[in-house]
Amino acid sequence: QVQLVESGGGLVQPGGSLRLSCAASGGIFSTVAVGWYRQAPGKQRELVGLITSVGSTNYVESVKGRFTISRDNAKNTVYLQMNNLKPEDTAVYYCNVVPVGHRGWGQGTQVTVSS
């Protein structure tokens, strides 16, 4: 029932920052956990991090200290703040309810880190 739309991607130089947004509609948002995923060319989609309904977060080791997930339930939005971006962060980024189960995926937003 909850539908999610990603935005905020773009081209950034190594060491730069981006903030991605995940806007929700169509259902109860505040009670669900939301994860950020990414898929690089030729690779499987991977979970980057998540935020629970009560605001606790978890991240994969490769982004710890650089990425921060937050949520604003009043705006039905989850954010992914990405700092000190590296070329290996280049991917299409997606958000989804966690656990994903049988949910589908949106279009995602492209993040390209290159000089």
C-alpha atoms as a PDB file:
ATOM      1  CA  GLN A   1       0.000   0.000   0.000  1.00  0.00           C
ATOM      2  CA  VAL A   2       2.850   2.398   0.812  1.00  0.00           C
ATOM      3  CA  GLN A   3       4.433   3.788  -2.346  1.00  0.00           C
ATOM      4  CA  LEU A   4       7.946   5.228  -2.298  1.00  0.00           C
ATOM      5  CA  VAL A   5       9.675   7.595  -4.719  1.00  0.00           C
ATOM      6  CA  GLU A   6      13.404   8.310  -4.672  1.00  0.00           C
ATOM      7  CA  SER A   7      14.984  11.604  -5.671  1.00  0.00           C
ATOM      8  CA  GLY A   8      18.113  13.682  -5.191  1.00  0.00           C
ATOM      9  CA  GLY A   9      20.699  11.776  -7.180  1.00  0.00           C
ATOM     10  CA  GLY A  10      23.186  13.354  -9.512  1.00  0.00           C
ATOM     11  CA  LEU A  11      26.808  13.724 -10.522  1.00  0.00           C
ATOM     12  CA  VAL A  12      29.275  14.603  -7.784  1.00  0.00           C
ATOM     13  CA  GLN A  13      33.056  14.655  -7.462  1.00  0.00           C
ATOM     14  CA  PRO A  14      34.874  12.317  -5.069  1.00  0.00           C
ATOM     15  CA  GLY A  15      34.704  13.718  -1.563  1.00  0.00           C
ATOM     16  CA  GLY A  16      31.451  15.493  -2.268  1.00  0.00           C
ATOM     17  CA  SER A  17      28.040  15.071  -0.693  1.00  0.00           C
ATOM     18  CA  LEU A  18      24.476  14.338  -1.742  1.00  0.00           C
ATOM     19  CA  ARG A  19      21.216  13.962   0.117  1.00  0.00           C
ATOM     20  CA  LEU A  20      18.687  11.519  -1.272  1.00  0.00           C
ATOM     21  CA  SER A  21      15.010  11.622  -0.390  1.00  0.00           C
ATOM     22  CA  CYS A  22      12.470   8.819  -0.197  1.00  0.00           C
ATOM     23  CA  ALA A  23       8.953  10.202  -0.243  1.00  0.00           C
ATOM     24  CA  ALA A  24       6.108   7.947   0.865  1.00  0.00           C
ATOM     25  CA  SER A  25       2.419   8.022   0.069  1.00  0.00           C
ATOM     26  CA  GLY A  26      -0.613   5.769   0.125  1.00  0.00           C
ATOM     27  CA  GLY A  27      -0.293   4.206   3.561  1.00  0.00           C
ATOM     28  CA  ILE A  28       0.924   4.381   7.118  1.00  0.00           C
ATOM     29  CA  PHE A  29       4.562   5.463   7.054  1.00  0.00           C
ATOM     30  CA  SER A  30       5.564   5.988  10.648  1.00  0.00           C
ATOM     31  CA  THR A  31       5.147   2.336  11.630  1.00  0.00           C
ATOM     32  CA  VAL A  32       7.495   0.807   9.053  1.00  0.00           C
ATOM     33  CA  ALA A  33      11.218   0.351   8.732  1.00  0.00           C
ATOM     34  CA  VAL A  34      12.753   1.745   5.545  1.00  0.00           C
ATOM     35  CA  GLY A  35      15.932   0.623   3.865  1.00  0.00           C
ATOM     36  CA  TRP A  36      18.207   2.222   1.305  1.00  0.00           C
ATOM     37  CA  TYR A  37      19.546  -0.111  -1.356  1.00  0.00           C
ATOM     38  CA  ARG A  38      21.895   0.367  -4.267  1.00  0.00           C
ATOM     39  CA  GLN A  39      22.771  -1.482  -7.432  1.00  0.00           C
ATOM     40  CA  ALA A  40      26.000  -0.858  -9.280  1.00  0.00           C
ATOM     41  CA  PRO A  41      26.482  -1.954 -12.903  1.00  0.00           C
ATOM     42  CA  GLY A  42      26.895  -5.712 -13.138  1.00  0.00           C
ATOM     43  CA  LYS A  43      26.193  -6.259  -9.448  1.00  0.00           C
ATOM     44  CA  GLN A  44      23.299  -7.408  -7.295  1.00  0.00           C
ATOM     45  CA  ARG A  45      21.180  -4.933  -5.411  1.00  0.00           C
ATOM     46  CA  GLU A  46      22.504  -4.575  -1.871  1.00  0.00           C
ATOM     47  CA  LEU A  47      21.142  -3.128   1.340  1.00  0.00           C
ATOM     48  CA  VAL A  48      23.127  -0.046   2.327  1.00  0.00           C
ATOM     49  CA  GLY A  49      21.351   0.766   5.563  1.00  0.00           C
ATOM     50  CA  LEU A  50      17.984   1.042   7.225  1.00  0.00           C
ATOM     51  CA  ILE A  51      16.042   3.006   9.752  1.00  0.00           C
ATOM     52  CA  THR A  52      13.449   1.410  12.001  1.00  0.00           C
ATOM     53  CA  SER A  53      10.055   2.739  12.996  1.00  0.00           C
ATOM     54  CA  VAL A  54      11.582   4.072  16.210  1.00  0.00           C
ATOM     55  CA  GLY A  55      14.528   5.724  14.482  1.00  0.00           C
ATOM     56  CA  SER A  56      17.394   3.317  15.090  1.00  0.00           C
ATOM     57  CA  THR A  57      19.759   2.798  12.156  1.00  0.00           C
ATOM     58  CA  ASN A  58      22.107   0.183  10.763  1.00  0.00           C
ATOM     59  CA  TYR A  59      24.632   0.447   7.932  1.00  0.00           C
ATOM     60  CA  VAL A  60      26.894  -1.799   5.951  1.00  0.00           C
ATOM     61  CA  GLU A  61      30.532  -1.457   6.923  1.00  0.00           C
ATOM     62  CA  SER A  62      31.546   0.227   3.686  1.00  0.00           C
ATOM     63  CA  VAL A  63      29.418   3.320   4.368  1.00  0.00           C
ATOM     64  CA  LYS A  64      29.675   3.627   8.148  1.00  0.00           C
ATOM     65  CA  GLY A  65      30.809   7.078   9.169  1.00  0.00           C
ATOM     66  CA  ARG A  66      29.948   8.518   5.756  1.00  0.00           C
ATOM     67  CA  PHE A  67      26.216   7.872   5.293  1.00  0.00           C
ATOM     68  CA  THR A  68      23.396   8.830   7.642  1.00  0.00           C
ATOM     69  CA  ILE A  69      19.755   7.779   7.368  1.00  0.00           C
ATOM     70  CA  SER A  70      17.059   9.867   9.001  1.00  0.00           C
ATOM     71  CA  ARG A  71      13.299  10.162   8.808  1.00  0.00           C
ATOM     72  CA  ASP A  72      10.747  12.909   9.107  1.00  0.00           C
ATOM     73  CA  ASN A  73       7.405  11.238   9.701  1.00  0.00           C
ATOM     74  CA  ALA A  74       5.533  14.532   9.485  1.00  0.00           C
ATOM     75  CA  LYS A  75       6.779  14.832   5.897  1.00  0.00           C
ATOM     76  CA  ASN A  76       6.483  11.099   5.142  1.00  0.00           C
ATOM     77  CA  THR A  77      10.104  11.169   4.031  1.00  0.00           C
ATOM     78  CA  VAL A  78      13.273   9.196   4.706  1.00  0.00           C
ATOM     79  CA  TYR A  79      16.636  10.719   3.839  1.00  0.00           C
ATOM     80  CA  LEU A  80      20.039   9.347   2.985  1.00  0.00           C
ATOM     81  CA  GLN A  81      22.808  11.869   3.635  1.00  0.00           C
ATOM     82  CA  MET A  82      25.950  10.777   1.815  1.00  0.00           C
ATOM     83  CA  ASN A  83      29.253  12.462   2.650  1.00  0.00           C
ATOM     84  CA  ASN A  84      32.796  11.874   1.431  1.00  0.00           C
ATOM     85  CA  LEU A  85      31.489  10.060  -1.602  1.00  0.00           C
ATOM     86  CA  LYS A  86      33.757   7.632  -3.390  1.00  0.00           C
ATOM     87  CA  PRO A  87      33.662   6.325  -6.967  1.00  0.00           C
ATOM     88  CA  GLU A  88      32.630   2.923  -5.633  1.00  0.00           C
ATOM     89  CA  ASP A  89      29.432   4.525  -4.333  1.00  0.00           C
ATOM     90  CA  THR A  90      28.283   4.970  -7.927  1.00  0.00           C
ATOM     91  CA  ALA A  91      24.992   3.111  -8.317  1.00  0.00           C
ATOM     92  CA  VAL A  92      21.265   3.462  -8.672  1.00  0.00           C
ATOM     93  CA  TYR A  93      19.854   4.009  -5.201  1.00  0.00           C
ATOM     94  CA  TYR A  94      16.463   2.677  -4.128  1.00  0.00           C
ATOM     95  CA  CYS A  95      14.384   2.811  -0.993  1.00  0.00           C
ATOM     96  CA  ASN A  96      11.859   0.267   0.174  1.00  0.00           C
ATOM     97  CA  VAL A  97       9.991  -0.988   3.197  1.00  0.00           C
ATOM     98  CA  VAL A  98      11.955  -3.495   5.272  1.00  0.00           C
ATOM     99  CA  PRO A  99      11.459  -6.409   5.046  1.00  0.00           C
ATOM    100  CA  VAL A 100      10.878  -6.056   1.314  1.00  0.00           C
ATOM    101  CA  GLY A 101       9.015  -9.338   0.977  1.00  0.00           C
ATOM    102  CA  HIS A 102       7.141  -9.424  -2.302  1.00  0.00           C
ATOM    103  CA  ARG A 103       7.122  -5.676  -2.861  1.00  0.00           C
ATOM    104  CA  GLY A 104       8.321  -4.278  -6.138  1.00  0.00           C
ATOM    105  CA  TRP A 105      10.935  -1.616  -6.792  1.00  0.00           C
ATOM    106  CA  GLY A 106      10.693   1.913  -8.093  1.00  0.00           C
ATOM    107  CA  GLN A 107      12.926   3.633 -10.613  1.00  0.00           C
ATOM    108  CA  GLY A 108      15.556   4.630  -8.088  1.00  0.00           C
ATOM    109  CA  THR A 109      17.847   7.616  -8.439  1.00  0.00           C
ATOM    110  CA  GLN A 110      21.266   7.593 -10.086  1.00  0.00           C
ATOM    111  CA  VAL A 111      24.312   8.604  -8.078  1.00  0.00           C
ATOM    112  CA  THR A 112      27.516   9.028 -10.050  1.00  0.00           C
ATOM    113  CA  VAL A 113      30.780   9.841  -8.282  1.00  0.00           C
ATOM    114  CA  SER A 114      33.449  10.824 -10.751  1.00  0.00           C
ATOM    115  CA  SER A 115      36.075  13.453 -11.397  1.00  0.00           C
END
